[in-house]
Amino acid sequence: MAVSNARARGGADAEALCPYRLVLEHVTSRWGVLVLIELMEGSLRFSELRRAIDKVGRISEKMLTQTLQTLERDGLVHRDAKPVIPPRVDYSLTGLGREAAEQVRALAQWTHNRMGEVEKARRAYDEAREIQSRAS
């Protein structure tokens, strides 16, 4: 996720310069979007969340852990570790996280609804580029 990359490239400096951009990257990242949307349905354990996301794309345990930690740090995800044996950890959205998830879900729905138009525009663009390439 972007936070770990920003820290590696300049630490808190990058975060201080453009904090809203980093949050936007976290929320709209490949895995951030899926985590937020899945958690809209309610609290999930790590393994349940991973299985739900794996229906759309394979996510490694490490990547899911990093994504959850980043979203938790941003105040979007709540981690509830229960002191039982075996350990039980549940993840859920905070109020801020629910707000972000609703926005992301609306964008995902818009993308789904408009995909035909996007594909048509892509074909027209590719055809125009091909014609332009042949003329050069």
C-alpha atoms as a PDB file:
ATOM      1  CA  MET A   1       0.000   0.000   0.000  1.00  0.00           C
ATOM      2  CA  ALA A   2       1.023   3.573  -0.441  1.00  0.00           C
ATOM      3  CA  VAL A   3       1.767   4.282   3.229  1.00  0.00           C
ATOM      4  CA  SER A   4       4.602   1.791   3.404  1.00  0.00           C
ATOM      5  CA  ASN A   5       5.947   3.046   0.056  1.00  0.00           C
ATOM      6  CA  ALA A   6       5.724   6.670   1.180  1.00  0.00           C
ATOM      7  CA  ARG A   7       7.589   5.872   4.364  1.00  0.00           C
ATOM      8  CA  ALA A   8      10.293   4.093   2.413  1.00  0.00           C
ATOM      9  CA  ARG A   9      10.689   7.051   0.017  1.00  0.00           C
ATOM     10  CA  GLY A  10      10.743   9.830   2.557  1.00  0.00           C
ATOM     11  CA  GLY A  11       8.722   8.774   5.514  1.00  0.00           C
ATOM     12  CA  ALA A  12       6.490  11.289   7.166  1.00  0.00           C
ATOM     13  CA  ASP A  13       7.572  13.966   4.669  1.00  0.00           C
ATOM     14  CA  ALA A  14       5.474  12.483   1.849  1.00  0.00           C
ATOM     15  CA  GLU A  15       2.555  11.996   4.207  1.00  0.00           C
ATOM     16  CA  ALA A  16       2.777  15.556   5.511  1.00  0.00           C
ATOM     17  CA  LEU A  17       2.994  17.068   2.028  1.00  0.00           C
ATOM     18  CA  CYS A  18      -0.159  15.492   0.668  1.00  0.00           C
ATOM     19  CA  PRO A  19      -2.063  13.532   3.320  1.00  0.00           C
ATOM     20  CA  TYR A  20      -5.405  13.515   1.499  1.00  0.00           C
ATOM     21  CA  ARG A  21      -3.794  11.945  -1.593  1.00  0.00           C
ATOM     22  CA  LEU A  22      -2.492   9.070   0.501  1.00  0.00           C
ATOM     23  CA  VAL A  23      -5.911   8.419   2.024  1.00  0.00           C
ATOM     24  CA  LEU A  24      -7.439   8.522  -1.454  1.00  0.00           C
ATOM     25  CA  GLU A  25      -4.846   5.977  -2.605  1.00  0.00           C
ATOM     26  CA  HIS A  26      -5.704   3.707   0.327  1.00  0.00           C
ATOM     27  CA  VAL A  27      -9.451   3.898  -0.271  1.00  0.00           C
ATOM     28  CA  THR A  28      -9.221   3.448  -4.046  1.00  0.00           C
ATOM     29  CA  SER A  29      -6.433   0.880  -4.138  1.00  0.00           C
ATOM     30  CA  ARG A  30      -7.193  -2.473  -5.709  1.00  0.00           C
ATOM     31  CA  TRP A  31      -7.588  -4.190  -2.345  1.00  0.00           C
ATOM     32  CA  GLY A  32      -8.835  -1.191  -0.364  1.00  0.00           C
ATOM     33  CA  VAL A  33     -11.940  -0.962  -2.547  1.00  0.00           C
ATOM     34  CA  LEU A  34     -12.719  -4.654  -2.117  1.00  0.00           C
ATOM     35  CA  VAL A  35     -12.139  -4.645   1.651  1.00  0.00           C
ATOM     36  CA  LEU A  36     -14.392  -1.628   2.138  1.00  0.00           C
ATOM     37  CA  ILE A  37     -17.178  -3.051  -0.027  1.00  0.00           C
ATOM     38  CA  GLU A  38     -17.045  -6.499   1.627  1.00  0.00           C
ATOM     39  CA  LEU A  39     -17.120  -5.005   5.129  1.00  0.00           C
ATOM     40  CA  MET A  40     -20.268  -3.032   4.264  1.00  0.00           C
ATOM     41  CA  GLU A  41     -22.171  -6.277   4.786  1.00  0.00           C
ATOM     42  CA  GLY A  42     -20.964  -6.479   8.383  1.00  0.00           C
ATOM     43  CA  SER A  43     -18.147  -7.648  10.580  1.00  0.00           C
ATOM     44  CA  LEU A  44     -15.911 -10.401   9.174  1.00  0.00           C
ATOM     45  CA  ARG A  45     -13.062 -12.496  10.444  1.00  0.00           C
ATOM     46  CA  PHE A  46      -9.788 -12.353   8.506  1.00  0.00           C
ATOM     47  CA  SER A  47     -10.364 -15.708   6.785  1.00  0.00           C
ATOM     48  CA  GLU A  48     -13.968 -14.809   5.879  1.00  0.00           C
ATOM     49  CA  LEU A  49     -12.829 -11.515   4.405  1.00  0.00           C
ATOM     50  CA  ARG A  50     -10.063 -13.194   2.426  1.00  0.00           C
ATOM     51  CA  ARG A  51     -12.476 -15.793   0.984  1.00  0.00           C
ATOM     52  CA  ALA A  52     -14.940 -13.054   0.011  1.00  0.00           C
ATOM     53  CA  ILE A  53     -12.228 -11.052  -1.763  1.00  0.00           C
ATOM     54  CA  ASP A  54     -10.801 -14.175  -3.428  1.00  0.00           C
ATOM     55  CA  LYS A  55     -14.084 -14.485  -5.364  1.00  0.00           C
ATOM     56  CA  VAL A  56     -13.023 -11.373  -7.285  1.00  0.00           C
ATOM     57  CA  GLY A  57      -9.225 -11.598  -7.214  1.00  0.00           C
ATOM     58  CA  ARG A  58      -6.553 -13.551  -5.366  1.00  0.00           C
ATOM     59  CA  ILE A  59      -5.167 -11.607  -2.420  1.00  0.00           C
ATOM     60  CA  SER A  60      -2.234 -12.829  -0.401  1.00  0.00           C
ATOM     61  CA  GLU A  61      -2.410 -12.999   3.376  1.00  0.00           C
ATOM     62  CA  LYS A  62       0.369 -10.409   3.573  1.00  0.00           C
ATOM     63  CA  MET A  63      -1.413  -7.971   1.245  1.00  0.00           C
ATOM     64  CA  LEU A  64      -4.702  -8.317   3.100  1.00  0.00           C
ATOM     65  CA  THR A  65      -2.929  -7.744   6.414  1.00  0.00           C
ATOM     66  CA  GLN A  66      -1.198  -4.626   5.066  1.00  0.00           C
ATOM     67  CA  THR A  67      -4.423  -3.305   3.578  1.00  0.00           C
ATOM     68  CA  LEU A  68      -6.335  -3.825   6.815  1.00  0.00           C
ATOM     69  CA  GLN A  69      -3.572  -2.176   8.866  1.00  0.00           C
ATOM     70  CA  THR A  70      -3.498   0.826   6.536  1.00  0.00           C
ATOM     71  CA  LEU A  71      -7.276   1.235   6.590  1.00  0.00           C
ATOM     72  CA  GLU A  72      -7.277   0.809  10.373  1.00  0.00           C
ATOM     73  CA  ARG A  73      -4.589   3.484  10.712  1.00  0.00           C
ATOM     74  CA  ASP A  74      -6.712   5.837   8.591  1.00  0.00           C
ATOM     75  CA  GLY A  75      -9.675   5.236  10.916  1.00  0.00           C
ATOM     76  CA  LEU A  76     -11.765   3.380   8.337  1.00  0.00           C
ATOM     77  CA  VAL A  77     -11.583  -0.158   9.730  1.00  0.00           C
ATOM     78  CA  HIS A  78     -11.980  -1.323  13.308  1.00  0.00           C
ATOM     79  CA  ARG A  79     -10.023  -4.385  14.470  1.00  0.00           C
ATOM     80  CA  ASP A  80     -11.613  -6.228  17.394  1.00  0.00           C
ATOM     81  CA  ALA A  81      -9.285  -8.840  18.897  1.00  0.00           C
ATOM     82  CA  LYS A  82     -11.113 -11.078  21.362  1.00  0.00           C
ATOM     83  CA  PRO A  83      -9.024 -12.639  24.157  1.00  0.00           C
ATOM     84  CA  VAL A  84     -10.177 -16.210  23.553  1.00  0.00           C
ATOM     85  CA  ILE A  85      -8.503 -19.438  22.537  1.00  0.00           C
ATOM     86  CA  PRO A  86      -8.168 -19.816  19.639  1.00  0.00           C
ATOM     87  CA  PRO A  87      -7.735 -16.071  19.030  1.00  0.00           C
ATOM     88  CA  ARG A  88     -10.608 -14.366  17.259  1.00  0.00           C
ATOM     89  CA  VAL A  89     -10.203 -11.104  15.370  1.00  0.00           C
ATOM     90  CA  ASP A  90     -13.116  -9.390  13.674  1.00  0.00           C
ATOM     91  CA  TYR A  91     -12.910  -6.485  11.246  1.00  0.00           C
ATOM     92  CA  SER A  92     -15.665  -3.961  10.678  1.00  0.00           C
ATOM     93  CA  LEU A  93     -16.104  -0.492   9.260  1.00  0.00           C
ATOM     94  CA  THR A  94     -16.041   2.589  11.428  1.00  0.00           C
ATOM     95  CA  GLY A  95     -18.506   5.384  10.703  1.00  0.00           C
ATOM     96  CA  LEU A  96     -15.843   7.047   8.570  1.00  0.00           C
ATOM     97  CA  GLY A  97     -15.154   3.742   6.831  1.00  0.00           C
ATOM     98  CA  ARG A  98     -18.837   3.202   6.052  1.00  0.00           C
ATOM     99  CA  GLU A  99     -18.983   6.677   4.512  1.00  0.00           C
ATOM    100  CA  ALA A 100     -15.932   5.926   2.350  1.00  0.00           C
ATOM    101  CA  ALA A 101     -17.283   2.485   1.414  1.00  0.00           C
ATOM    102  CA  GLU A 102     -20.572   3.975   0.222  1.00  0.00           C
ATOM    103  CA  GLN A 103     -18.686   6.378  -2.045  1.00  0.00           C
ATOM    104  CA  VAL A 104     -16.451   3.610  -3.405  1.00  0.00           C
ATOM    105  CA  ARG A 105     -19.436   1.322  -3.969  1.00  0.00           C
ATOM    106  CA  ALA A 106     -21.229   4.083  -5.892  1.00  0.00           C
ATOM    107  CA  LEU A 107     -18.175   4.495  -8.126  1.00  0.00           C
ATOM    108  CA  ALA A 108     -17.926   0.725  -8.619  1.00  0.00           C
ATOM    109  CA  GLN A 109     -21.625   0.610  -9.547  1.00  0.00           C
ATOM    110  CA  TRP A 110     -21.199   3.495 -11.986  1.00  0.00           C
ATOM    111  CA  THR A 111     -18.293   1.634 -13.601  1.00  0.00           C
ATOM    112  CA  HIS A 112     -20.410  -1.513 -13.912  1.00  0.00           C
ATOM    113  CA  ASN A 113     -23.350   0.420 -15.397  1.00  0.00           C
ATOM    114  CA  ARG A 114     -21.206   2.331 -17.898  1.00  0.00           C
ATOM    115  CA  MET A 115     -18.826  -0.436 -18.983  1.00  0.00           C
ATOM    116  CA  GLY A 116     -20.493  -0.789 -22.392  1.00  0.00           C
ATOM    117  CA  GLU A 117     -19.849   2.879 -23.130  1.00  0.00           C
ATOM    118  CA  VAL A 118     -16.260   2.605 -21.906  1.00  0.00           C
ATOM    119  CA  GLU A 119     -15.633  -0.416 -24.146  1.00  0.00           C
ATOM    120  CA  LYS A 120     -17.129   1.426 -27.125  1.00  0.00           C
ATOM    121  CA  ALA A 121     -14.881   4.444 -26.466  1.00  0.00           C
ATOM    122  CA  ARG A 122     -11.840   2.166 -26.156  1.00  0.00           C
ATOM    123  CA  ARG A 123     -12.580   0.482 -29.479  1.00  0.00           C
ATOM    124  CA  ALA A 124     -12.994   3.861 -31.214  1.00  0.00           C
ATOM    125  CA  TYR A 125      -9.759   5.116 -29.682  1.00  0.00           C
ATOM    126  CA  ASP A 126      -7.825   1.973 -30.646  1.00  0.00           C
ATOM    127  CA  GLU A 127      -9.174   2.065 -34.209  1.00  0.00           C
ATOM    128  CA  ALA A 128      -8.243   5.741 -34.592  1.00  0.00           C
ATOM    129  CA  ARG A 129      -4.731   5.061 -33.255  1.00  0.00           C
ATOM    130  CA  GLU A 130      -4.323   2.129 -35.612  1.00  0.00           C
ATOM    131  CA  ILE A 131      -5.351   4.240 -38.607  1.00  0.00           C
ATOM    132  CA  GLN A 132      -3.047   7.020 -37.456  1.00  0.00           C
ATOM    133  CA  SER A 133      -0.192   4.545 -37.013  1.00  0.00           C
ATOM    134  CA  ARG A 134      -0.635   3.154 -40.548  1.00  0.00           C
ATOM    135  CA  ALA A 135      -0.690   6.647 -42.018  1.00  0.00           C
ATOM    136  CA  SER A 136       2.631   7.556 -40.385  1.00  0.00           C
END
